[in-house]
C-alpha atoms as a PDB file:
ATOM      1  CA  UNK A   1      51.277  -2.374 -20.128  1.00  0.00           C
ATOM      2  CA  UNK A   2      52.631  -2.416 -16.227  1.00  0.00           C
ATOM      3  CA  UNK A   3      55.210  -4.433 -15.146  1.00  0.00           C
ATOM      4  CA  UNK A   4      54.316  -7.209 -12.939  1.00  0.00           C
ATOM      5  CA  UNK A   5      55.892  -7.082  -9.457  1.00  0.00           C
ATOM      6  CA  UNK A   6      58.338 -10.067  -9.121  1.00  0.00           C
ATOM      7  CA  UNK A   7      57.151 -13.329  -6.547  1.00  0.00           C
ATOM      8  CA  UNK A   8      57.956 -13.121  -3.261  1.00  0.00           C
ATOM      9  CA  UNK A   9      60.268 -16.514  -2.593  1.00  0.00           C
ATOM     10  CA  UNK A  10      58.540 -18.799  -0.123  1.00  0.00           C
ATOM     11  CA  UNK A  11      60.066 -19.548   3.118  1.00  0.00           C
ATOM     12  CA  UNK A  12      60.298 -23.308   3.878  1.00  0.00           C
ATOM     13  CA  UNK A  13      59.436 -23.939   7.175  1.00  0.00           C
ATOM     14  CA  UNK A  14      61.969 -26.045   8.728  1.00  0.00           C
ATOM     15  CA  UNK A  15      60.686 -29.851   9.120  1.00  0.00           C
ATOM     16  CA  UNK A  16      61.021 -31.417  12.665  1.00  0.00           C
ATOM     17  CA  UNK A  17      63.190 -34.299  12.924  1.00  0.00           C
ATOM     18  CA  UNK A  18      61.088 -37.487  12.456  1.00  0.00           C
ATOM     19  CA  UNK A  19      61.734 -41.333  12.008  1.00  0.00           C
ATOM     20  CA  UNK A  20      60.903 -42.865   8.799  1.00  0.00           C
ATOM     21  CA  UNK A  21      59.628 -46.494  10.265  1.00  0.00           C
ATOM     22  CA  UNK A  22      57.576 -47.200  13.283  1.00  0.00           C
ATOM     23  CA  UNK A  23      58.646 -47.887  17.097  1.00  0.00           C
ATOM     24  CA  UNK A  24      57.771 -51.582  16.244  1.00  0.00           C
ATOM     25  CA  UNK A  25      59.942 -51.885  12.839  1.00  0.00           C
ATOM     26  CA  UNK A  26      62.774 -50.255  14.723  1.00  0.00           C
ATOM     27  CA  UNK A  27      62.766 -52.758  17.693  1.00  0.00           C
ATOM     28  CA  UNK A  28      62.717 -55.598  15.229  1.00  0.00           C
ATOM     29  CA  UNK A  29      65.396 -53.990  13.178  1.00  0.00           C
ATOM     30  CA  UNK A  30      67.745 -53.385  16.148  1.00  0.00           C
ATOM     31  CA  UNK A  31      67.245 -56.896  17.563  1.00  0.00           C
ATOM     32  CA  UNK A  32      68.424 -58.158  13.934  1.00  0.00           C
ATOM     33  CA  UNK A  33      71.168 -55.921  14.156  1.00  0.00           C
ATOM     34  CA  UNK A  34      72.097 -57.248  17.796  1.00  0.00           C
ATOM     35  CA  UNK A  35      71.640 -61.125  16.767  1.00  0.00           C
ATOM     36  CA  UNK A  36      73.765 -60.644  13.398  1.00  0.00           C
ATOM     37  CA  UNK A  37      76.471 -58.201  14.540  1.00  0.00           C
ATOM     38  CA  UNK A  38      76.376 -57.748  18.400  1.00  0.00           C
ATOM     39  CA  UNK A  39      76.054 -54.374  20.174  1.00  0.00           C
ATOM     40  CA  UNK A  40      78.748 -52.554  17.957  1.00  0.00           C
ATOM     41  CA  UNK A  41      80.637 -50.900  17.318  1.00  0.00           C
ATOM     42  CA  UNK A  42      80.133 -50.917  13.619  1.00  0.00           C
ATOM     43  CA  UNK A  43      80.152 -48.638  10.262  1.00  0.00           C
ATOM     44  CA  UNK A  44      76.929 -47.332   9.241  1.00  0.00           C
ATOM     45  CA  UNK A  45      77.395 -49.635   5.949  1.00  0.00           C
ATOM     46  CA  UNK A  46      77.935 -52.448   8.184  1.00  0.00           C
ATOM     47  CA  UNK A  47      74.998 -51.812  10.650  1.00  0.00           C
ATOM     48  CA  UNK A  48      72.506 -51.368   7.364  1.00  0.00           C
ATOM     49  CA  UNK A  49      73.883 -55.014   6.206  1.00  0.00           C
ATOM     50  CA  UNK A  50      73.393 -56.424   9.838  1.00  0.00           C
ATOM     51  CA  UNK A  51      69.698 -55.435   9.496  1.00  0.00           C
ATOM     52  CA  UNK A  52      69.263 -57.057   6.002  1.00  0.00           C
ATOM     53  CA  UNK A  53      70.157 -54.186   3.295  1.00  0.00           C
ATOM     54  CA  UNK A  54      72.611 -55.357   0.843  1.00  0.00           C
ATOM     55  CA  UNK A  55      74.713 -52.371   1.326  1.00  0.00           C
ATOM     56  CA  UNK A  56      74.212 -48.328   2.209  1.00  0.00           C
ATOM     57  CA  UNK A  57      70.971 -47.788   0.001  1.00  0.00           C
ATOM     58  CA  UNK A  58      68.857 -45.051   0.581  1.00  0.00           C
ATOM     59  CA  UNK A  59      66.424 -47.389   2.748  1.00  0.00           C
ATOM     60  CA  UNK A  60      69.511 -49.002   4.805  1.00  0.00           C
ATOM     61  CA  UNK A  61      70.910 -45.378   5.617  1.00  0.00           C
ATOM     62  CA  UNK A  62      67.231 -44.146   6.597  1.00  0.00           C
ATOM     63  CA  UNK A  63      66.866 -47.162   8.804  1.00  0.00           C
ATOM     64  CA  UNK A  64      70.003 -46.657  10.775  1.00  0.00           C
ATOM     65  CA  UNK A  65      68.936 -42.895  11.266  1.00  0.00           C
ATOM     66  CA  UNK A  66      65.387 -44.285  12.511  1.00  0.00           C
ATOM     67  CA  UNK A  67      67.293 -46.428  15.239  1.00  0.00           C
ATOM     68  CA  UNK A  68      69.376 -43.197  16.200  1.00  0.00           C
ATOM     69  CA  UNK A  69      65.839 -40.944  16.344  1.00  0.00           C
ATOM     70  CA  UNK A  70      64.580 -43.733  18.545  1.00  0.00           C
ATOM     71  CA  UNK A  71      67.698 -43.443  20.907  1.00  0.00           C
ATOM     72  CA  UNK A  72      68.552 -47.049  19.970  1.00  0.00           C
ATOM     73  CA  UNK A  73      71.708 -46.364  18.406  1.00  0.00           C
ATOM     74  CA  UNK A  74      74.310 -44.138  19.457  1.00  0.00           C
ATOM     75  CA  UNK A  75      76.396 -42.519  16.864  1.00  0.00           C
ATOM     76  CA  UNK A  76      80.823 -42.511  18.352  1.00  0.00           C
ATOM     77  CA  UNK A  77      82.863 -40.753  15.511  1.00  0.00           C
ATOM     78  CA  UNK A  78      82.297 -42.806  12.419  1.00  0.00           C
ATOM     79  CA  UNK A  79      81.029 -45.567  13.995  1.00  0.00           C
ATOM     80  CA  UNK A  80      77.121 -46.683  15.954  1.00  0.00           C
ATOM     81  CA  UNK A  81      76.846 -48.669  18.998  1.00  0.00           C
ATOM     82  CA  UNK A  82      73.688 -49.956  20.440  1.00  0.00           C
ATOM     83  CA  UNK A  83      72.617 -48.035  23.860  1.00  0.00           C
ATOM     84  CA  UNK A  84      71.444 -48.784  26.924  1.00  0.00           C
ATOM     85  CA  UNK A  85      67.991 -48.417  26.194  1.00  0.00           C
ATOM     86  CA  UNK A  86      68.245 -51.042  23.374  1.00  0.00           C
ATOM     87  CA  UNK A  87      69.184 -53.171  25.930  1.00  0.00           C
ATOM     88  CA  UNK A  88      66.752 -53.265  28.414  1.00  0.00           C
ATOM     89  CA  UNK A  89      63.925 -53.817  25.223  1.00  0.00           C
ATOM     90  CA  UNK A  90      65.802 -56.431  23.806  1.00  0.00           C
ATOM     91  CA  UNK A  91      67.200 -58.118  26.919  1.00  0.00           C
ATOM     92  CA  UNK A  92      64.638 -56.950  29.839  1.00  0.00           C
ATOM     93  CA  UNK A  93      64.941 -58.168  33.106  1.00  0.00           C
ATOM     94  CA  UNK A  94      61.041 -58.212  33.454  1.00  0.00           C
ATOM     95  CA  UNK A  95      58.053 -56.929  31.529  1.00  0.00           C
ATOM     96  CA  UNK A  96      57.885 -53.918  33.145  1.00  0.00           C
ATOM     97  CA  UNK A  97      61.413 -52.618  32.271  1.00  0.00           C
ATOM     98  CA  UNK A  98      60.604 -53.582  28.619  1.00  0.00           C
ATOM     99  CA  UNK A  99      57.101 -51.421  28.893  1.00  0.00           C
ATOM    100  CA  UNK A 100      59.372 -48.490  30.020  1.00  0.00           C
ATOM    101  CA  UNK A 101      62.125 -48.868  27.584  1.00  0.00           C
ATOM    102  CA  UNK A 102      59.432 -49.036  24.889  1.00  0.00           C
ATOM    103  CA  UNK A 103      58.070 -45.950  26.297  1.00  0.00           C
ATOM    104  CA  UNK A 104      61.248 -43.798  26.589  1.00  0.00           C
ATOM    105  CA  UNK A 105      62.038 -44.994  22.761  1.00  0.00           C
ATOM    106  CA  UNK A 106      58.804 -43.486  21.873  1.00  0.00           C
ATOM    107  CA  UNK A 107      59.208 -40.465  23.590  1.00  0.00           C
ATOM    108  CA  UNK A 108      62.853 -39.745  22.130  1.00  0.00           C
ATOM    109  CA  UNK A 109      62.275 -38.563  18.515  1.00  0.00           C
ATOM    110  CA  UNK A 110      62.078 -34.947  18.375  1.00  0.00           C
ATOM    111  CA  UNK A 111      58.558 -35.065  16.470  1.00  0.00           C
ATOM    112  CA  UNK A 112      56.937 -37.434  19.025  1.00  0.00           C
ATOM    113  CA  UNK A 113      58.417 -35.484  21.782  1.00  0.00           C
ATOM    114  CA  UNK A 114      56.425 -32.426  20.752  1.00  0.00           C
ATOM    115  CA  UNK A 115      53.237 -34.519  19.903  1.00  0.00           C
ATOM    116  CA  UNK A 116      53.206 -36.091  23.558  1.00  0.00           C
ATOM    117  CA  UNK A 117      54.191 -32.634  24.786  1.00  0.00           C
ATOM    118  CA  UNK A 118      51.647 -30.671  23.108  1.00  0.00           C
ATOM    119  CA  UNK A 119      48.924 -33.299  23.408  1.00  0.00           C
ATOM    120  CA  UNK A 120      49.226 -34.754  26.629  1.00  0.00           C
ATOM    121  CA  UNK A 121      46.177 -35.926  28.277  1.00  0.00           C
ATOM    122  CA  UNK A 122      44.215 -35.152  24.986  1.00  0.00           C
ATOM    123  CA  UNK A 123      42.692 -36.874  21.950  1.00  0.00           C
ATOM    124  CA  UNK A 124      45.259 -36.998  19.384  1.00  0.00           C
ATOM    125  CA  UNK A 125      43.898 -35.206  16.316  1.00  0.00           C
ATOM    126  CA  UNK A 126      42.102 -36.958  13.744  1.00  0.00           C
ATOM    127  CA  UNK A 127      43.787 -34.883  11.093  1.00  0.00           C
ATOM    128  CA  UNK A 128      46.973 -35.486  12.605  1.00  0.00           C
ATOM    129  CA  UNK A 129      48.675 -35.142   8.886  1.00  0.00           C
ATOM    130  CA  UNK A 130      47.421 -31.774   8.469  1.00  0.00           C
ATOM    131  CA  UNK A 131      48.959 -30.867  12.212  1.00  0.00           C
ATOM    132  CA  UNK A 132      51.953 -32.052  11.123  1.00  0.00           C
ATOM    133  CA  UNK A 133      51.886 -30.150   7.874  1.00  0.00           C
ATOM    134  CA  UNK A 134      50.982 -26.967   9.255  1.00  0.00           C
ATOM    135  CA  UNK A 135      52.347 -26.667  12.910  1.00  0.00           C
ATOM    136  CA  UNK A 136      55.604 -29.063  12.670  1.00  0.00           C
ATOM    137  CA  UNK A 137      56.880 -28.284   8.887  1.00  0.00           C
ATOM    138  CA  UNK A 138      56.563 -31.790   7.620  1.00  0.00           C
ATOM    139  CA  UNK A 139      55.976 -31.872   3.780  1.00  0.00           C
ATOM    140  CA  UNK A 140      52.551 -32.374   2.921  1.00  0.00           C
ATOM    141  CA  UNK A 141      53.849 -35.497   0.811  1.00  0.00           C
ATOM    142  CA  UNK A 142      55.362 -36.987   3.804  1.00  0.00           C
ATOM    143  CA  UNK A 143      52.593 -36.250   6.504  1.00  0.00           C
ATOM    144  CA  UNK A 144      49.967 -39.050   6.089  1.00  0.00           C
ATOM    145  CA  UNK A 145      52.973 -41.528   6.454  1.00  0.00           C
ATOM    146  CA  UNK A 146      54.627 -39.785   9.383  1.00  0.00           C
ATOM    147  CA  UNK A 147      51.122 -39.136  10.806  1.00  0.00           C
ATOM    148  CA  UNK A 148      50.816 -43.471  10.700  1.00  0.00           C
ATOM    149  CA  UNK A 149      54.465 -44.006  11.953  1.00  0.00           C
ATOM    150  CA  UNK A 150      53.704 -41.579  14.947  1.00  0.00           C
ATOM    151  CA  UNK A 151      50.324 -43.417  15.570  1.00  0.00           C
ATOM    152  CA  UNK A 152      51.756 -46.769  15.506  1.00  0.00           C
ATOM    153  CA  UNK A 153      54.691 -45.871  17.621  1.00  0.00           C
ATOM    154  CA  UNK A 154      52.766 -44.132  20.041  1.00  0.00           C
ATOM    155  CA  UNK A 155      50.294 -47.011  20.582  1.00  0.00           C
ATOM    156  CA  UNK A 156      52.950 -49.476  20.412  1.00  0.00           C
ATOM    157  CA  UNK A 157      54.530 -48.044  23.124  1.00  0.00           C
ATOM    158  CA  UNK A 158      51.069 -48.274  25.201  1.00  0.00           C
ATOM    159  CA  UNK A 159      51.099 -43.986  25.279  1.00  0.00           C
ATOM    160  CA  UNK A 160      48.078 -43.963  23.011  1.00  0.00           C
ATOM    161  CA  UNK A 161      45.146 -45.590  24.252  1.00  0.00           C
ATOM    162  CA  UNK A 162      41.910 -45.013  22.455  1.00  0.00           C
ATOM    163  CA  UNK A 163      42.729 -42.290  20.617  1.00  0.00           C
ATOM    164  CA  UNK A 164      44.099 -40.219  23.979  1.00  0.00           C
ATOM    165  CA  UNK A 165      47.794 -39.065  24.900  1.00  0.00           C
ATOM    166  CA  UNK A 166      49.026 -40.611  27.981  1.00  0.00           C
ATOM    167  CA  UNK A 167      48.264 -38.129  30.598  1.00  0.00           C
ATOM    168  CA  UNK A 168      52.101 -38.370  31.838  1.00  0.00           C
ATOM    169  CA  UNK A 169      53.881 -38.832  28.691  1.00  0.00           C
ATOM    170  CA  UNK A 170      54.987 -35.496  28.145  1.00  0.00           C
ATOM    171  CA  UNK A 171      57.668 -36.109  31.255  1.00  0.00           C
ATOM    172  CA  UNK A 172      59.179 -39.066  30.186  1.00  0.00           C
ATOM    173  CA  UNK A 173      62.806 -39.469  30.398  1.00  0.00           C
ATOM    174  CA  UNK A 174      64.637 -39.035  27.129  1.00  0.00           C
ATOM    175  CA  UNK A 175      68.395 -41.160  26.693  1.00  0.00           C
ATOM    176  CA  UNK A 176      70.828 -38.866  27.756  1.00  0.00           C
ATOM    177  CA  UNK A 177      72.837 -38.647  24.271  1.00  0.00           C
ATOM    178  CA  UNK A 178      69.494 -37.515  22.789  1.00  0.00           C
ATOM    179  CA  UNK A 179      68.409 -34.897  25.368  1.00  0.00           C
ATOM    180  CA  UNK A 180      67.913 -31.466  24.436  1.00  0.00           C
ATOM    181  CA  UNK A 181      67.143 -28.343  25.974  1.00  0.00           C
ATOM    182  CA  UNK A 182      64.058 -26.006  25.474  1.00  0.00           C
ATOM    183  CA  UNK A 183      65.743 -24.057  22.548  1.00  0.00           C
ATOM    184  CA  UNK A 184      66.203 -27.051  20.607  1.00  0.00           C
ATOM    185  CA  UNK A 185      70.226 -27.384  21.450  1.00  0.00           C
ATOM    186  CA  UNK A 186      71.823 -30.748  23.074  1.00  0.00           C
ATOM    187  CA  UNK A 187      72.680 -30.255  26.500  1.00  0.00           C
ATOM    188  CA  UNK A 188      75.917 -28.762  27.111  1.00  0.00           C
ATOM    189  CA  UNK A 189      75.760 -26.587  24.363  1.00  0.00           C
ATOM    190  CA  UNK A 190      76.135 -22.867  24.796  1.00  0.00           C
ATOM    191  CA  UNK A 191      73.439 -20.306  24.482  1.00  0.00           C
ATOM    192  CA  UNK A 192      74.543 -16.831  23.306  1.00  0.00           C
ATOM    193  CA  UNK A 193      73.656 -13.602  25.032  1.00  0.00           C
ATOM    194  CA  UNK A 194      74.040 -11.717  21.958  1.00  0.00           C
ATOM    195  CA  UNK A 195      71.414 -11.165  19.325  1.00  0.00           C
ATOM    196  CA  UNK A 196      72.797 -13.899  17.399  1.00  0.00           C
ATOM    197  CA  UNK A 197      71.287 -14.570  13.651  1.00  0.00           C
ATOM    198  CA  UNK A 198      68.774 -17.270  14.104  1.00  0.00           C
ATOM    199  CA  UNK A 199      70.921 -18.664  10.909  1.00  0.00           C
ATOM    200  CA  UNK A 200      73.870 -18.854  12.655  1.00  0.00           C
ATOM    201  CA  UNK A 201      74.455 -20.734  16.133  1.00  0.00           C
ATOM    202  CA  UNK A 202      77.595 -21.882  18.311  1.00  0.00           C
ATOM    203  CA  UNK A 203      79.025 -24.049  20.639  1.00  0.00           C
ATOM    204  CA  UNK A 204      81.692 -23.508  23.502  1.00  0.00           C
ATOM    205  CA  UNK A 205      84.184 -26.497  23.634  1.00  0.00           C
ATOM    206  CA  UNK A 206      84.134 -27.415  27.449  1.00  0.00           C
ATOM    207  CA  UNK A 207      88.045 -27.893  27.863  1.00  0.00           C
ATOM    208  CA  UNK A 208      89.487 -25.096  25.919  1.00  0.00           C
ATOM    209  CA  UNK A 209      86.404 -22.561  25.996  1.00  0.00           C
ATOM    210  CA  UNK A 210      86.634 -22.159  22.260  1.00  0.00           C
ATOM    211  CA  UNK A 211      83.899 -20.991  20.457  1.00  0.00           C
ATOM    212  CA  UNK A 212      82.649 -22.860  17.601  1.00  0.00           C
ATOM    213  CA  UNK A 213      80.469 -20.624  15.001  1.00  0.00           C
ATOM    214  CA  UNK A 214      78.399 -22.729  12.462  1.00  0.00           C
ATOM    215  CA  UNK A 215      75.411 -22.434  10.236  1.00  0.00           C
ATOM    216  CA  UNK A 216      71.931 -23.888  11.797  1.00  0.00           C
ATOM    217  CA  UNK A 217      71.539 -25.820   8.604  1.00  0.00           C
ATOM    218  CA  UNK A 218      74.106 -28.398  10.186  1.00  0.00           C
ATOM    219  CA  UNK A 219      72.791 -28.267  13.695  1.00  0.00           C
ATOM    220  CA  UNK A 220      71.066 -31.882  13.315  1.00  0.00           C
ATOM    221  CA  UNK A 221      74.533 -33.331  12.125  1.00  0.00           C
ATOM    222  CA  UNK A 222      76.172 -31.638  14.736  1.00  0.00           C
ATOM    223  CA  UNK A 223      73.130 -33.782  17.532  1.00  0.00           C
ATOM    224  CA  UNK A 224      73.816 -36.877  15.712  1.00  0.00           C
ATOM    225  CA  UNK A 225      77.567 -36.477  16.448  1.00  0.00           C
ATOM    226  CA  UNK A 226      78.662 -36.315  12.833  1.00  0.00           C
ATOM    227  CA  UNK A 227      81.749 -33.839  13.747  1.00  0.00           C
ATOM    228  CA  UNK A 228      82.316 -35.234  17.434  1.00  0.00           C
ATOM    229  CA  UNK A 229      85.712 -36.614  16.902  1.00  0.00           C
ATOM    230  CA  UNK A 230      86.695 -33.063  14.889  1.00  0.00           C
ATOM    231  CA  UNK A 231      85.557 -31.126  17.654  1.00  0.00           C
ATOM    232  CA  UNK A 232      86.959 -33.196  20.517  1.00  0.00           C
ATOM    233  CA  UNK A 233      90.708 -33.130  19.135  1.00  0.00           C
ATOM    234  CA  UNK A 234      90.396 -29.402  18.475  1.00  0.00           C
ATOM    235  CA  UNK A 235      89.124 -29.180  22.134  1.00  0.00           C
ATOM    236  CA  UNK A 236      91.888 -31.317  23.552  1.00  0.00           C
ATOM    237  CA  UNK A 237      94.807 -29.857  21.216  1.00  0.00           C
ATOM    238  CA  UNK A 238      93.395 -26.318  22.158  1.00  0.00           C
ATOM    239  CA  UNK A 239      93.552 -26.995  25.779  1.00  0.00           C
ATOM    240  CA  UNK A 240      96.843 -28.477  26.103  1.00  0.00           C
ATOM    241  CA  UNK A 241      99.832 -26.191  27.499  1.00  0.00           C
ATOM    242  CA  UNK A 242     102.695 -25.487  25.153  1.00  0.00           C
ATOM    243  CA  UNK A 243     105.798 -26.237  26.196  1.00  0.00           C
ATOM    244  CA  UNK A 244     106.375 -22.367  26.699  1.00  0.00           C
ATOM    245  CA  UNK A 245     103.603 -22.113  28.937  1.00  0.00           C
ATOM    246  CA  UNK A 246     104.560 -24.626  31.275  1.00  0.00           C
ATOM    247  CA  UNK A 247     106.762 -23.288  34.316  1.00  0.00           C
ATOM    248  CA  UNK A 248     110.255 -24.884  34.823  1.00  0.00           C
ATOM    249  CA  UNK A 249     109.815 -26.570  31.666  1.00  0.00           C
ATOM    250  CA  UNK A 250     112.950 -25.705  29.354  1.00  0.00           C
ATOM    251  CA  UNK A 251     112.518 -25.383  25.714  1.00  0.00           C
ATOM    252  CA  UNK A 252     113.420 -28.729  23.733  1.00  0.00           C
ATOM    253  CA  UNK A 253     116.045 -27.820  21.004  1.00  0.00           C
ATOM    254  CA  UNK A 254     114.530 -27.547  17.353  1.00  0.00           C
ATOM    255  CA  UNK A 255     115.674 -30.217  15.470  1.00  0.00           C
ATOM    256  CA  UNK A 256     117.598 -29.361  12.006  1.00  0.00           C
ATOM    257  CA  UNK A 257     115.864 -30.528   8.689  1.00  0.00           C
END
């Protein structure tokens, strides 16, 4: 009896990042948060509570993440603050400013950026869920719900009318803290000139020039600012000259223990 060849492991396609609530729901959530706790800063748990959750439950944490996706919250170290984009939507000077803010918010999540660019001026596919699963790596189970969130958000922002994507939607500006280059890395990140493994990436810290190498699996966490405080501290410390490196500065005597 011949032996069966071992099955080849399935390669899982990385999912394009997407918010788990619609833009309309996100606007209501950030408005509730503003009324409850102001512009911030606040911790992730406090932000979740300000939006009506008892604590940092799965739903509360996911809603905070969704507001970051839409560019309505930005992370600063371990805290969150409402963005200028959120301000233009919550307290607009006029209807035009609010409409532009909604369009920008809808164009900020990575998945919606791709949809607007790929189908600019075209009809949105009727089987959007299948497109999301096959092209953008969304799981088959999540794809129908994500398709509804995508369609609802684009319609709410006025970017999808009668089933057709706005012809200029792909050129909408994205909030600066959310911008990314064509290769998916945020602006300011270095692009390796070597044949770098797709599983390994790096950034160059701006002050010190130190190269930080990291696995691609933490790329999104870096983009969301999870390690911002640590990297900033490292960059500042490494770029500060030692006493021996400063001309004309005598060495301080070492204290005895």
